[in-house]
Amino acid sequence: MRSARTILWSGTIIGVCFAIGACGLFETRKPTEPQTPTEGCRPLTTSPTLAVIPNIQDFYGRVGSATCYSSMVDTSFAFHPDPTDSSLAPAGTYIAWNDSVETRVNGNIANRQDFISVGLTDTGGAIISPDQRTELRFYDYLVRISLSGSPDTLRYTGTADITFYRGGDGQWRMTDWVDHRGAVSDSTWGLLRGDNRF
């Protein structure tokens, strides 16, 4: 009698454990994309640090926000990868990287990602032109992204020297982005861009 009760309890416990496992209770969840901020694209007339940088963090690589990102890229824009990235990439990857390439690559990333998080941290200091229409600022960045069909979240880190210009319409836009590898072994944002130039 005692062994029958033990078998019954053991069977019940095993059944419950299988049922819990079958429901996916202990499976890891794929991260979901953060909601697009309700305030929308910030006006570019304020300043690079109050408008352009927060807009990049909130809207880069997101399908519904392509217009906001493209509005921050000046027609004179140029992207310069880290020299190591450039040497490792297939020939022509970074050639003639202008405003239209930048906005197209942003769209390609937006269409491939299930989740993206962008963080830019000002490392201090700025070079401002005498007429106060051009600013060169320095940032550390962290981009986390999960691409469609992939269970992994990838990390891209490094530093960026970003030049902003205030046009005749009073709006600040990016004119130049110089990418650098950081101190850790993560890939750079330049590699993410290069992998999505198609």
C-alpha atoms as a PDB file:
ATOM      1  CA  MET A   1       0.000   0.000   0.000  1.00  0.00           C
ATOM      2  CA  ARG A   2       2.805   2.328   0.933  1.00  0.00           C
ATOM      3  CA  SER A   3       4.649   1.749  -2.356  1.00  0.00           C
ATOM      4  CA  ALA A   4       1.438   2.294  -4.351  1.00  0.00           C
ATOM      5  CA  ARG A   5       0.975   5.683  -2.633  1.00  0.00           C
ATOM      6  CA  THR A   6       4.628   6.585  -3.363  1.00  0.00           C
ATOM      7  CA  ILE A   7       4.209   5.645  -7.022  1.00  0.00           C
ATOM      8  CA  LEU A   8       0.974   7.677  -7.227  1.00  0.00           C
ATOM      9  CA  TRP A   9       2.617  10.784  -5.690  1.00  0.00           C
ATOM     10  CA  SER A  10       5.704  10.395  -7.843  1.00  0.00           C
ATOM     11  CA  GLY A  11       3.537  10.085 -10.937  1.00  0.00           C
ATOM     12  CA  THR A  12       1.533  13.161  -9.962  1.00  0.00           C
ATOM     13  CA  ILE A  13       4.667  15.235  -9.361  1.00  0.00           C
ATOM     14  CA  ILE A  14       6.232  14.128 -12.658  1.00  0.00           C
ATOM     15  CA  GLY A  15       2.973  14.885 -14.499  1.00  0.00           C
ATOM     16  CA  VAL A  16       2.782  18.380 -13.009  1.00  0.00           C
ATOM     17  CA  CYS A  17       6.446  19.044 -13.877  1.00  0.00           C
ATOM     18  CA  PHE A  18       5.878  17.974 -17.483  1.00  0.00           C
ATOM     19  CA  ALA A  19       2.731  20.096 -17.687  1.00  0.00           C
ATOM     20  CA  ILE A  20       4.569  23.191 -16.420  1.00  0.00           C
ATOM     21  CA  GLY A  21       7.424  22.610 -18.834  1.00  0.00           C
ATOM     22  CA  ALA A  22       5.001  22.065 -21.706  1.00  0.00           C
ATOM     23  CA  CYS A  23       3.330  25.421 -21.006  1.00  0.00           C
ATOM     24  CA  GLY A  24       6.618  27.183 -21.547  1.00  0.00           C
ATOM     25  CA  LEU A  25       6.760  28.627 -18.050  1.00  0.00           C
ATOM     26  CA  PHE A  26      10.533  28.340 -17.875  1.00  0.00           C
ATOM     27  CA  GLU A  27      11.351  29.340 -21.455  1.00  0.00           C
ATOM     28  CA  THR A  28      13.170  32.624 -22.009  1.00  0.00           C
ATOM     29  CA  ARG A  29      11.179  35.258 -23.809  1.00  0.00           C
ATOM     30  CA  LYS A  30      12.367  37.123 -26.850  1.00  0.00           C
ATOM     31  CA  PRO A  31      12.657  40.837 -26.053  1.00  0.00           C
ATOM     32  CA  THR A  32       9.979  43.038 -27.552  1.00  0.00           C
ATOM     33  CA  GLU A  33      10.619  46.333 -29.249  1.00  0.00           C
ATOM     34  CA  PRO A  34      10.122  49.379 -27.028  1.00  0.00           C
ATOM     35  CA  GLN A  35       7.125  51.527 -27.813  1.00  0.00           C
ATOM     36  CA  THR A  36       7.777  54.528 -30.018  1.00  0.00           C
ATOM     37  CA  PRO A  37       7.706  57.584 -27.732  1.00  0.00           C
ATOM     38  CA  THR A  38       4.357  59.356 -27.770  1.00  0.00           C
ATOM     39  CA  GLU A  39       5.834  62.846 -28.175  1.00  0.00           C
ATOM     40  CA  GLY A  40       7.136  61.987 -31.629  1.00  0.00           C
ATOM     41  CA  CYS A  41      10.168  63.446 -33.316  1.00  0.00           C
ATOM     42  CA  ARG A  42      11.591  66.322 -31.296  1.00  0.00           C
ATOM     43  CA  PRO A  43      11.925  69.673 -33.083  1.00  0.00           C
ATOM     44  CA  LEU A  44      15.416  70.012 -34.524  1.00  0.00           C
ATOM     45  CA  THR A  45      15.549  73.739 -33.777  1.00  0.00           C
ATOM     46  CA  THR A  46      16.441  73.229 -30.099  1.00  0.00           C
ATOM     47  CA  SER A  47      19.988  71.794 -30.086  1.00  0.00           C
ATOM     48  CA  PRO A  48      21.889  68.633 -31.037  1.00  0.00           C
ATOM     49  CA  THR A  49      21.867  67.365 -27.438  1.00  0.00           C
ATOM     50  CA  LEU A  50      18.182  68.120 -26.788  1.00  0.00           C
ATOM     51  CA  ALA A  51      16.786  66.980 -30.139  1.00  0.00           C
ATOM     52  CA  VAL A  52      19.051  65.048 -32.497  1.00  0.00           C
ATOM     53  CA  ILE A  53      20.677  62.677 -29.988  1.00  0.00           C
ATOM     54  CA  PRO A  54      17.403  61.776 -28.160  1.00  0.00           C
ATOM     55  CA  ASN A  55      15.722  61.298 -31.553  1.00  0.00           C
ATOM     56  CA  ILE A  56      18.474  58.883 -32.629  1.00  0.00           C
ATOM     57  CA  GLN A  57      18.057  56.924 -29.389  1.00  0.00           C
ATOM     58  CA  ASP A  58      14.288  56.728 -29.772  1.00  0.00           C
ATOM     59  CA  PHE A  59      13.876  56.365 -33.534  1.00  0.00           C
ATOM     60  CA  TYR A  60      16.952  54.694 -35.091  1.00  0.00           C
ATOM     61  CA  GLY A  61      16.127  51.394 -36.789  1.00  0.00           C
ATOM     62  CA  ARG A  62      12.379  51.561 -36.249  1.00  0.00           C
ATOM     63  CA  VAL A  63      10.009  51.162 -39.189  1.00  0.00           C
ATOM     64  CA  GLY A  64       7.437  53.771 -38.159  1.00  0.00           C
ATOM     65  CA  SER A  65      10.121  56.365 -37.464  1.00  0.00           C
ATOM     66  CA  ALA A  66      12.075  56.418 -40.724  1.00  0.00           C
ATOM     67  CA  THR A  67      10.940  59.957 -41.530  1.00  0.00           C
ATOM     68  CA  CYS A  68      12.198  61.300 -38.206  1.00  0.00           C
ATOM     69  CA  TYR A  69      15.617  59.726 -38.670  1.00  0.00           C
ATOM     70  CA  SER A  70      15.992  60.856 -42.291  1.00  0.00           C
ATOM     71  CA  SER A  71      15.050  64.429 -41.307  1.00  0.00           C
ATOM     72  CA  MET A  72      18.131  64.544 -39.037  1.00  0.00           C
ATOM     73  CA  VAL A  73      20.588  63.491 -41.765  1.00  0.00           C
ATOM     74  CA  ASP A  74      21.925  66.462 -43.743  1.00  0.00           C
ATOM     75  CA  THR A  75      22.354  66.202 -47.519  1.00  0.00           C
ATOM     76  CA  SER A  76      26.114  66.633 -46.964  1.00  0.00           C
ATOM     77  CA  PHE A  77      26.265  63.665 -44.559  1.00  0.00           C
ATOM     78  CA  ALA A  78      29.262  61.296 -44.648  1.00  0.00           C
ATOM     79  CA  PHE A  79      29.902  58.181 -42.567  1.00  0.00           C
ATOM     80  CA  HIS A  80      33.483  57.110 -41.801  1.00  0.00           C
ATOM     81  CA  PRO A  81      33.938  53.593 -40.360  1.00  0.00           C
ATOM     82  CA  ASP A  82      36.645  52.554 -37.953  1.00  0.00           C
ATOM     83  CA  PRO A  83      39.765  51.749 -40.046  1.00  0.00           C
ATOM     84  CA  THR A  84      39.763  48.116 -38.879  1.00  0.00           C
ATOM     85  CA  ASP A  85      36.109  47.700 -39.902  1.00  0.00           C
ATOM     86  CA  SER A  86      36.903  49.188 -43.280  1.00  0.00           C
ATOM     87  CA  SER A  87      39.817  46.805 -43.841  1.00  0.00           C
ATOM     88  CA  LEU A  88      37.783  43.730 -42.848  1.00  0.00           C
ATOM     89  CA  ALA A  89      34.655  44.564 -44.852  1.00  0.00           C
ATOM     90  CA  PRO A  90      34.068  43.462 -48.441  1.00  0.00           C
ATOM     91  CA  ALA A  91      35.387  45.951 -50.974  1.00  0.00           C
ATOM     92  CA  GLY A  92      33.068  48.891 -51.556  1.00  0.00           C
ATOM     93  CA  THR A  93      31.058  48.456 -48.347  1.00  0.00           C
ATOM     94  CA  TYR A  94      31.774  51.962 -47.096  1.00  0.00           C
ATOM     95  CA  ILE A  95      32.437  53.771 -50.391  1.00  0.00           C
ATOM     96  CA  ALA A  96      30.390  56.955 -50.973  1.00  0.00           C
ATOM     97  CA  TRP A  97      28.419  56.618 -47.735  1.00  0.00           C
ATOM     98  CA  ASN A  98      26.184  59.678 -48.021  1.00  0.00           C
ATOM     99  CA  ASP A  99      22.767  60.740 -46.746  1.00  0.00           C
ATOM    100  CA  SER A 100      20.801  58.461 -49.088  1.00  0.00           C
ATOM    101  CA  VAL A 101      22.908  55.414 -48.133  1.00  0.00           C
ATOM    102  CA  GLU A 102      22.537  56.246 -44.427  1.00  0.00           C
ATOM    103  CA  THR A 103      18.740  56.515 -44.599  1.00  0.00           C
ATOM    104  CA  ARG A 104      18.464  53.364 -46.750  1.00  0.00           C
ATOM    105  CA  VAL A 105      20.624  51.368 -44.302  1.00  0.00           C
ATOM    106  CA  ASN A 106      18.520  52.660 -41.398  1.00  0.00           C
ATOM    107  CA  GLY A 107      15.432  51.354 -43.219  1.00  0.00           C
ATOM    108  CA  ASN A 108      17.094  47.993 -43.887  1.00  0.00           C
ATOM    109  CA  ILE A 109      17.884  47.620 -40.178  1.00  0.00           C
ATOM    110  CA  ALA A 110      14.343  48.638 -39.256  1.00  0.00           C
ATOM    111  CA  ASN A 111      12.883  45.981 -41.552  1.00  0.00           C
ATOM    112  CA  ARG A 112      15.104  43.202 -40.137  1.00  0.00           C
ATOM    113  CA  GLN A 113      14.918  43.808 -36.394  1.00  0.00           C
ATOM    114  CA  ASP A 114      12.523  42.436 -33.796  1.00  0.00           C
ATOM    115  CA  PHE A 115      14.076  44.508 -31.017  1.00  0.00           C
ATOM    116  CA  ILE A 116      16.493  47.440 -30.934  1.00  0.00           C
ATOM    117  CA  SER A 117      17.819  49.629 -28.142  1.00  0.00           C
ATOM    118  CA  VAL A 118      20.156  52.561 -28.786  1.00  0.00           C
ATOM    119  CA  GLY A 119      22.096  54.442 -26.119  1.00  0.00           C
ATOM    120  CA  LEU A 120      24.441  57.384 -26.665  1.00  0.00           C
ATOM    121  CA  THR A 121      26.431  58.821 -23.767  1.00  0.00           C
ATOM    122  CA  ASP A 122      28.105  62.206 -24.134  1.00  0.00           C
ATOM    123  CA  THR A 123      31.755  61.800 -23.126  1.00  0.00           C
ATOM    124  CA  GLY A 124      32.159  65.523 -22.574  1.00  0.00           C
ATOM    125  CA  GLY A 125      33.654  68.354 -24.495  1.00  0.00           C
ATOM    126  CA  ALA A 126      32.612  69.824 -27.795  1.00  0.00           C
ATOM    127  CA  ILE A 127      34.212  71.818 -30.562  1.00  0.00           C
ATOM    128  CA  ILE A 128      31.894  74.654 -31.548  1.00  0.00           C
ATOM    129  CA  SER A 129      32.523  76.931 -34.516  1.00  0.00           C
ATOM    130  CA  PRO A 130      32.804  80.699 -33.895  1.00  0.00           C
ATOM    131  CA  ASP A 131      29.444  81.304 -35.598  1.00  0.00           C
ATOM    132  CA  GLN A 132      27.912  78.544 -33.399  1.00  0.00           C
ATOM    133  CA  ARG A 133      26.414  76.780 -36.406  1.00  0.00           C
ATOM    134  CA  THR A 134      28.665  73.703 -36.302  1.00  0.00           C
ATOM    135  CA  GLU A 135      29.277  71.435 -33.303  1.00  0.00           C
ATOM    136  CA  LEU A 136      31.507  68.375 -33.050  1.00  0.00           C
ATOM    137  CA  ARG A 137      30.537  66.174 -30.108  1.00  0.00           C
ATOM    138  CA  PHE A 138      31.865  62.870 -28.767  1.00  0.00           C
ATOM    139  CA  TYR A 139      29.772  59.884 -27.663  1.00  0.00           C
ATOM    140  CA  ASP A 140      30.092  56.346 -26.372  1.00  0.00           C
ATOM    141  CA  TYR A 141      27.341  54.155 -27.772  1.00  0.00           C
ATOM    142  CA  LEU A 142      25.659  50.841 -27.089  1.00  0.00           C
ATOM    143  CA  VAL A 143      23.273  49.318 -29.612  1.00  0.00           C
ATOM    144  CA  ARG A 144      21.467  46.098 -28.744  1.00  0.00           C
ATOM    145  CA  ILE A 145      19.518  44.409 -31.518  1.00  0.00           C
ATOM    146  CA  SER A 146      17.728  41.148 -32.180  1.00  0.00           C
ATOM    147  CA  LEU A 147      17.246  40.374 -35.864  1.00  0.00           C
ATOM    148  CA  SER A 148      14.225  38.532 -37.230  1.00  0.00           C
ATOM    149  CA  GLY A 149      14.598  34.786 -36.988  1.00  0.00           C
ATOM    150  CA  SER A 150      17.527  34.975 -34.556  1.00  0.00           C
ATOM    151  CA  PRO A 151      17.190  34.072 -30.873  1.00  0.00           C
ATOM    152  CA  ASP A 152      20.231  36.154 -29.895  1.00  0.00           C
ATOM    153  CA  THR A 153      20.484  39.811 -28.950  1.00  0.00           C
ATOM    154  CA  LEU A 154      23.631  41.294 -30.466  1.00  0.00           C
ATOM    155  CA  ARG A 155      25.696  44.121 -28.930  1.00  0.00           C
ATOM    156  CA  TYR A 156      27.471  46.878 -30.824  1.00  0.00           C
ATOM    157  CA  THR A 157      29.661  49.283 -28.877  1.00  0.00           C
ATOM    158  CA  GLY A 158      32.197  51.968 -29.649  1.00  0.00           C
ATOM    159  CA  THR A 159      32.594  55.711 -29.851  1.00  0.00           C
ATOM    160  CA  ALA A 160      31.335  58.226 -32.358  1.00  0.00           C
ATOM    161  CA  ASP A 161      32.513  61.709 -33.269  1.00  0.00           C
ATOM    162  CA  ILE A 162      29.368  63.349 -34.632  1.00  0.00           C
ATOM    163  CA  THR A 163      29.316  66.736 -36.349  1.00  0.00           C
ATOM    164  CA  PHE A 164      26.081  68.721 -36.359  1.00  0.00           C
ATOM    165  CA  TYR A 165      25.228  71.747 -38.492  1.00  0.00           C
ATOM    166  CA  ARG A 166      22.425  74.274 -38.039  1.00  0.00           C
ATOM    167  CA  GLY A 167      21.073  75.141 -41.464  1.00  0.00           C
ATOM    168  CA  GLY A 168      19.389  78.282 -42.688  1.00  0.00           C
ATOM    169  CA  ASP A 169      16.052  76.872 -41.508  1.00  0.00           C
ATOM    170  CA  GLY A 170      17.401  76.824 -37.927  1.00  0.00           C
ATOM    171  CA  GLN A 171      17.344  73.011 -37.728  1.00  0.00           C
ATOM    172  CA  TRP A 172      20.263  70.891 -36.512  1.00  0.00           C
ATOM    173  CA  ARG A 173      21.273  67.896 -38.610  1.00  0.00           C
ATOM    174  CA  MET A 174      24.142  65.410 -38.681  1.00  0.00           C
ATOM    175  CA  THR A 175      26.753  66.099 -41.335  1.00  0.00           C
ATOM    176  CA  ASP A 176      29.521  63.704 -40.322  1.00  0.00           C
ATOM    177  CA  TRP A 177      29.891  60.513 -38.264  1.00  0.00           C
ATOM    178  CA  VAL A 178      33.329  59.073 -37.498  1.00  0.00           C
ATOM    179  CA  ASP A 179      33.103  55.625 -35.914  1.00  0.00           C
ATOM    180  CA  HIS A 180      35.742  54.131 -33.565  1.00  0.00           C
ATOM    181  CA  ARG A 181      36.142  50.776 -31.879  1.00  0.00           C
ATOM    182  CA  GLY A 182      35.763  50.842 -28.112  1.00  0.00           C
ATOM    183  CA  ALA A 183      37.841  49.162 -25.420  1.00  0.00           C
ATOM    184  CA  VAL A 184      35.795  45.932 -25.461  1.00  0.00           C
ATOM    185  CA  SER A 185      35.678  43.297 -28.178  1.00  0.00           C
ATOM    186  CA  ASP A 186      32.092  44.008 -29.288  1.00  0.00           C
ATOM    187  CA  SER A 187      31.400  44.870 -32.899  1.00  0.00           C
ATOM    188  CA  THR A 188      30.896  48.524 -33.828  1.00  0.00           C
ATOM    189  CA  TRP A 189      27.828  50.356 -35.068  1.00  0.00           C
ATOM    190  CA  GLY A 190      29.790  50.723 -38.309  1.00  0.00           C
ATOM    191  CA  LEU A 191      29.792  46.936 -38.730  1.00  0.00           C
ATOM    192  CA  LEU A 192      26.024  46.841 -38.157  1.00  0.00           C
ATOM    193  CA  ARG A 193      25.635  49.536 -40.799  1.00  0.00           C
ATOM    194  CA  GLY A 194      27.994  47.795 -43.225  1.00  0.00           C
ATOM    195  CA  ASP A 195      26.204  44.449 -42.835  1.00  0.00           C
ATOM    196  CA  ASN A 196      22.926  46.154 -43.799  1.00  0.00           C
ATOM    197  CA  ARG A 197      24.073  48.019 -46.906  1.00  0.00           C
ATOM    198  CA  PHE A 198      22.224  46.027 -49.558  1.00  0.00           C
END
